[in-house]
Amino acid sequence: MVKRFEIIAKGKVQKVGYRDYVEEVARSLGIVGFVENLKDGNVRIVCEGEEGIIKKFISEINIKKGLIEVEDVQIKSIRDATGEFKFFEIKYGTLEDEIGERMATAVKYASAMWMDIKEMKGDVKEMKGDIKEMKSDIKEMKGDIKEMKSDIKEMKSDIKEMKDDIKEMKGDIKEIKQDAKEVLKKQDETIKEIRELRLDLKSYLDERFRKIEEEIKVIKAKIGLA
């Protein structure tokens, strides 16, 4: 039976891209309605659809993923559907609020990515300590170390490009205030790129460090340090 649900999501659900995630899940399940931010920091969802599908929807939006940390999803009311909705959408606030939220989201993802990079730099320093303890056979590893330094240099270059992109985005926002929808679309794309860059970069470096650690173990075994 088609029902109308009013749902409140609590936790870290604003300025982290949660509304976009809710919209994506709702549309994939064929649910109609809207999602909006509340002044108290929570997110309100009003939706219509088959009761079983909506329960699945509630389960899928109760997540802890990336910067999103849902602490509780409350069903405020269940009524018969009115049929007033044609699709699922985000109810946006004022232009200034939405621009501010998109910018805050982008900055949070960039900051989280920067923290990951700092942790990776710490791992690099530990590796250097192991390298110093090795004897003459360490020369065989110089090629790999040189390649690793090149990778880190490329990583720094990518970070600089990302900062330039964010700076350019800020400039674009000032120029296109007259077209709010275009601003929001451009910022959403930027946030998605930052998420993908963070995941790709972390995956690449994790694999790289794993290979180097394996090579260090092999060399230690060869020179009797294992």
Protein backbone atom coordinates (compact mmCIF):
# COMPACT_ATOMS: atom_id res chain seq x y z
CA MET A 1 0.00 0.00 0.00
CA VAL A 2 1.26 3.47 -0.88
CA LYS A 3 1.96 5.54 2.24
CA ARG A 4 3.25 8.98 3.17
CA PHE A 5 6.11 9.03 5.69
CA GLU A 6 7.59 11.99 7.55
CA ILE A 7 11.13 11.16 8.71
CA ILE A 8 13.72 13.03 10.77
CA ALA A 9 17.42 12.13 10.43
CA LYS A 10 19.72 13.22 13.28
CA GLY A 11 23.49 13.37 13.66
CA LYS A 12 26.13 14.87 11.38
CA VAL A 13 23.74 15.27 8.46
CA GLN A 14 24.18 18.88 7.34
CA LYS A 15 27.08 20.31 5.30
CA VAL A 16 28.30 16.80 4.51
CA GLY A 17 26.34 16.01 1.31
CA TYR A 18 23.63 13.99 3.10
CA ARG A 19 20.68 15.50 1.25
CA ASP A 20 22.27 14.57 -2.08
CA TYR A 21 22.76 11.02 -0.84
CA VAL A 22 19.13 10.79 0.31
CA GLU A 23 17.91 12.10 -3.03
CA GLU A 24 20.04 9.55 -4.91
CA VAL A 25 18.72 6.62 -2.83
CA ALA A 26 15.09 7.79 -3.06
CA ARG A 27 15.21 8.13 -6.83
CA SER A 28 16.88 4.75 -7.24
CA LEU A 29 13.98 3.16 -5.30
CA GLY A 30 11.26 5.11 -7.12
CA ILE A 31 10.21 7.07 -4.04
CA VAL A 32 8.77 10.59 -4.45
CA GLY A 33 8.82 13.55 -2.06
CA PHE A 34 11.51 15.89 -0.76
CA VAL A 35 14.38 16.29 1.71
CA GLU A 36 15.31 19.53 3.48
CA ASN A 37 17.58 20.91 6.19
CA LEU A 38 16.05 22.04 9.49
CA LYS A 39 17.23 24.94 11.62
CA ASP A 40 18.05 22.58 14.51
CA GLY A 41 20.70 20.79 12.43
CA ASN A 42 18.54 17.78 11.57
CA VAL A 43 17.23 16.74 8.16
CA ARG A 44 13.52 16.26 7.38
CA ILE A 45 12.25 13.86 4.73
CA VAL A 46 8.67 13.66 3.46
CA CYS A 47 8.16 10.83 0.99
CA GLU A 48 5.53 8.62 -0.59
CA GLY A 49 5.80 5.09 -1.90
CA GLU A 50 5.12 1.46 -1.12
CA GLU A 51 5.49 0.93 2.63
CA GLY A 52 8.00 -1.92 2.20
CA ILE A 53 10.16 0.11 -0.16
CA ILE A 54 10.13 3.12 2.18
CA LYS A 55 11.32 0.91 5.04
CA LYS A 56 14.18 -0.24 2.82
CA PHE A 57 14.86 3.43 2.02
CA ILE A 58 15.03 4.28 5.75
CA SER A 59 17.54 1.48 6.28
CA GLU A 60 19.74 2.68 3.42
CA ILE A 61 19.86 6.32 4.58
CA ASN A 62 20.79 5.35 8.16
CA ILE A 63 24.52 5.40 7.41
CA LYS A 64 27.95 6.35 8.62
CA LYS A 65 29.88 7.00 5.44
CA GLY A 66 32.68 9.49 4.85
CA LEU A 67 31.74 12.65 6.74
CA ILE A 68 28.10 11.56 7.10
CA GLU A 69 27.28 10.14 10.55
CA VAL A 70 23.58 9.43 11.05
CA GLU A 71 22.87 8.82 14.74
CA ASP A 72 19.13 8.21 14.52
CA VAL A 73 16.34 8.04 11.93
CA GLN A 74 12.92 8.72 13.43
CA ILE A 75 9.56 8.13 11.77
CA LYS A 76 7.40 11.09 12.85
CA SER A 77 4.21 10.05 11.07
CA ILE A 78 2.72 7.55 8.60
CA ARG A 79 -0.41 8.48 6.64
CA ASP A 80 -2.11 7.61 3.39
CA ALA A 81 -0.32 9.05 0.36
CA THR A 82 -1.70 12.26 -1.15
CA GLY A 83 -0.16 11.81 -4.58
CA GLU A 84 1.04 15.41 -4.62
CA PHE A 85 4.64 14.55 -5.54
CA LYS A 86 5.83 13.72 -9.04
CA PHE A 87 9.46 13.04 -8.18
CA PHE A 88 11.94 13.28 -5.31
CA GLU A 89 13.87 16.52 -4.85
CA ILE A 90 15.95 18.58 -2.47
CA LYS A 91 14.22 21.60 -0.95
CA TYR A 92 16.90 24.25 -0.95
CA GLY A 93 17.20 27.19 1.43
CA THR A 94 18.26 30.69 0.45
CA LEU A 95 20.97 31.09 -2.19
CA GLU A 96 23.43 32.33 0.43
CA ASP A 97 22.72 29.36 2.72
CA GLU A 98 23.09 26.83 -0.06
CA ILE A 99 26.32 28.36 -1.38
CA GLY A 100 27.67 28.39 2.16
CA GLU A 101 26.71 24.76 2.73
CA ARG A 102 28.25 23.57 -0.54
CA MET A 103 31.45 25.47 0.22
CA ALA A 104 31.56 24.07 3.77
CA THR A 105 31.07 20.55 2.41
CA ALA A 106 33.89 20.99 -0.09
CA VAL A 107 36.21 22.34 2.60
CA LYS A 108 35.38 19.45 4.96
CA TYR A 109 36.16 16.84 2.32
CA ALA A 110 39.37 18.66 1.41
CA SER A 111 40.37 18.84 5.10
CA ALA A 112 39.68 15.14 5.59
CA MET A 113 41.78 14.38 2.55
CA TRP A 114 44.60 16.55 3.90
CA MET A 115 44.53 14.64 7.21
CA ASP A 116 44.87 11.38 5.27
CA ILE A 117 47.89 12.81 3.47
CA LYS A 118 49.47 13.84 6.79
CA GLU A 119 49.06 10.30 8.11
CA MET A 120 50.64 8.97 4.94
CA LYS A 121 53.59 11.32 5.38
CA GLY A 122 54.08 9.85 8.85
CA ASP A 123 54.25 6.39 7.29
CA VAL A 124 56.85 7.66 4.83
CA LYS A 125 59.03 8.94 7.71
CA GLU A 126 58.86 5.56 9.45
CA MET A 127 60.00 3.87 6.27
CA LYS A 128 62.98 6.19 6.04
CA GLY A 129 63.98 5.10 9.57
CA ASP A 130 63.96 1.46 8.48
CA ILE A 131 65.98 2.31 5.39
CA LYS A 132 68.73 3.99 7.46
CA GLU A 133 69.21 0.80 9.50
CA MET A 134 69.97 -1.30 6.44
CA LYS A 135 73.53 -2.09 5.22
CA SER A 136 75.15 -2.03 1.78
CA ASP A 137 72.36 -4.00 0.10
CA ILE A 138 70.12 -0.94 0.60
CA LYS A 139 71.57 0.37 -2.68
CA GLU A 140 69.28 -2.04 -4.49
CA MET A 141 66.32 -0.14 -3.07
CA LYS A 142 67.40 3.33 -4.18
CA GLY A 143 65.51 3.01 -7.41
CA ASP A 144 62.28 2.28 -5.53
CA ILE A 145 62.88 5.10 -3.04
CA LYS A 146 63.50 7.55 -5.87
CA GLU A 147 60.26 6.45 -7.51
CA MET A 148 58.41 6.88 -4.21
CA LYS A 149 59.75 10.45 -3.88
CA SER A 150 58.55 11.14 -7.38
CA ASP A 151 55.08 9.85 -6.44
CA ILE A 152 55.00 12.11 -3.36
CA LYS A 153 56.06 15.07 -5.50
CA GLU A 154 53.23 14.29 -7.93
CA MET A 155 50.84 14.03 -4.98
CA LYS A 156 51.89 17.52 -3.78
CA SER A 157 51.35 18.82 -7.28
CA ASP A 158 47.85 17.30 -7.34
CA ILE A 159 47.05 18.94 -4.01
CA LYS A 160 48.21 22.31 -5.35
CA GLU A 161 45.99 21.83 -8.41
CA MET A 162 43.07 20.97 -6.13
CA LYS A 163 43.61 24.18 -4.12
CA ASP A 164 43.73 26.14 -7.37
CA ASP A 165 40.47 24.48 -8.48
CA ILE A 166 38.78 25.43 -5.18
CA LYS A 167 40.07 29.01 -5.50
CA GLU A 168 38.77 29.15 -9.06
CA MET A 169 35.43 27.77 -7.87
CA LYS A 170 35.12 30.62 -5.36
CA GLY A 171 35.69 33.10 -8.17
CA ASP A 172 33.05 31.39 -10.31
CA ILE A 173 30.51 31.58 -7.48
CA LYS A 174 30.86 35.37 -7.36
CA GLU A 175 30.33 35.60 -11.12
CA ILE A 176 27.25 33.38 -11.38
CA LYS A 177 25.12 34.45 -8.41
CA GLN A 178 22.35 35.38 -10.86
CA ASP A 179 21.90 31.73 -11.79
CA ALA A 180 21.58 29.81 -8.51
CA LYS A 181 20.79 26.45 -10.06
CA GLU A 182 23.95 26.51 -12.17
CA VAL A 183 26.02 27.42 -9.08
CA LEU A 184 24.63 24.49 -7.09
CA LYS A 185 25.21 22.06 -9.94
CA LYS A 186 28.83 23.17 -10.39
CA GLN A 187 29.54 22.87 -6.66
CA ASP A 188 27.96 19.41 -6.49
CA GLU A 189 30.30 18.26 -9.27
CA THR A 190 33.28 19.75 -7.41
CA ILE A 191 32.35 17.90 -4.20
CA LYS A 192 32.03 14.63 -6.12
CA GLU A 193 35.46 15.13 -7.71
CA ILE A 194 37.02 15.78 -4.28
CA ARG A 195 35.45 12.59 -2.89
CA GLU A 196 36.71 10.52 -5.84
CA LEU A 197 40.16 12.12 -5.67
CA ARG A 198 40.40 11.35 -1.95
CA LEU A 199 39.39 7.70 -2.43
CA ASP A 200 41.64 7.18 -5.49
CA LEU A 201 44.63 8.85 -3.81
CA LYS A 202 44.29 6.91 -0.57
CA SER A 203 43.86 3.60 -2.44
CA TYR A 204 46.89 4.29 -4.63
CA LEU A 205 49.21 5.24 -1.75
CA ASP A 206 48.04 2.37 0.45
CA GLU A 207 48.93 -0.08 -2.32
CA ARG A 208 52.25 1.67 -2.95
CA PHE A 209 53.26 1.59 0.71
CA ARG A 210 52.22 -2.05 0.99
CA LYS A 211 54.53 -3.01 -1.88
CA ILE A 212 57.44 -1.03 -0.42
CA GLU A 213 56.98 -2.64 2.98
CA GLU A 214 57.03 -6.08 1.33
CA GLU A 215 60.25 -5.19 -0.51
CA ILE A 216 61.84 -3.95 2.76
CA LYS A 217 60.99 -7.25 4.42
CA VAL A 218 62.59 -9.19 1.56
CA ILE A 219 65.77 -7.09 1.74
CA LYS A 220 65.96 -7.42 5.54
CA ALA A 221 65.68 -11.17 5.13
CA LYS A 222 68.49 -11.13 2.58
CA ILE A 223 70.89 -9.21 4.83
CA GLY A 224 69.97 -11.02 8.01
CA LEU A 225 67.93 -8.27 9.71
CA ALA A 226 64.56 -10.04 9.65
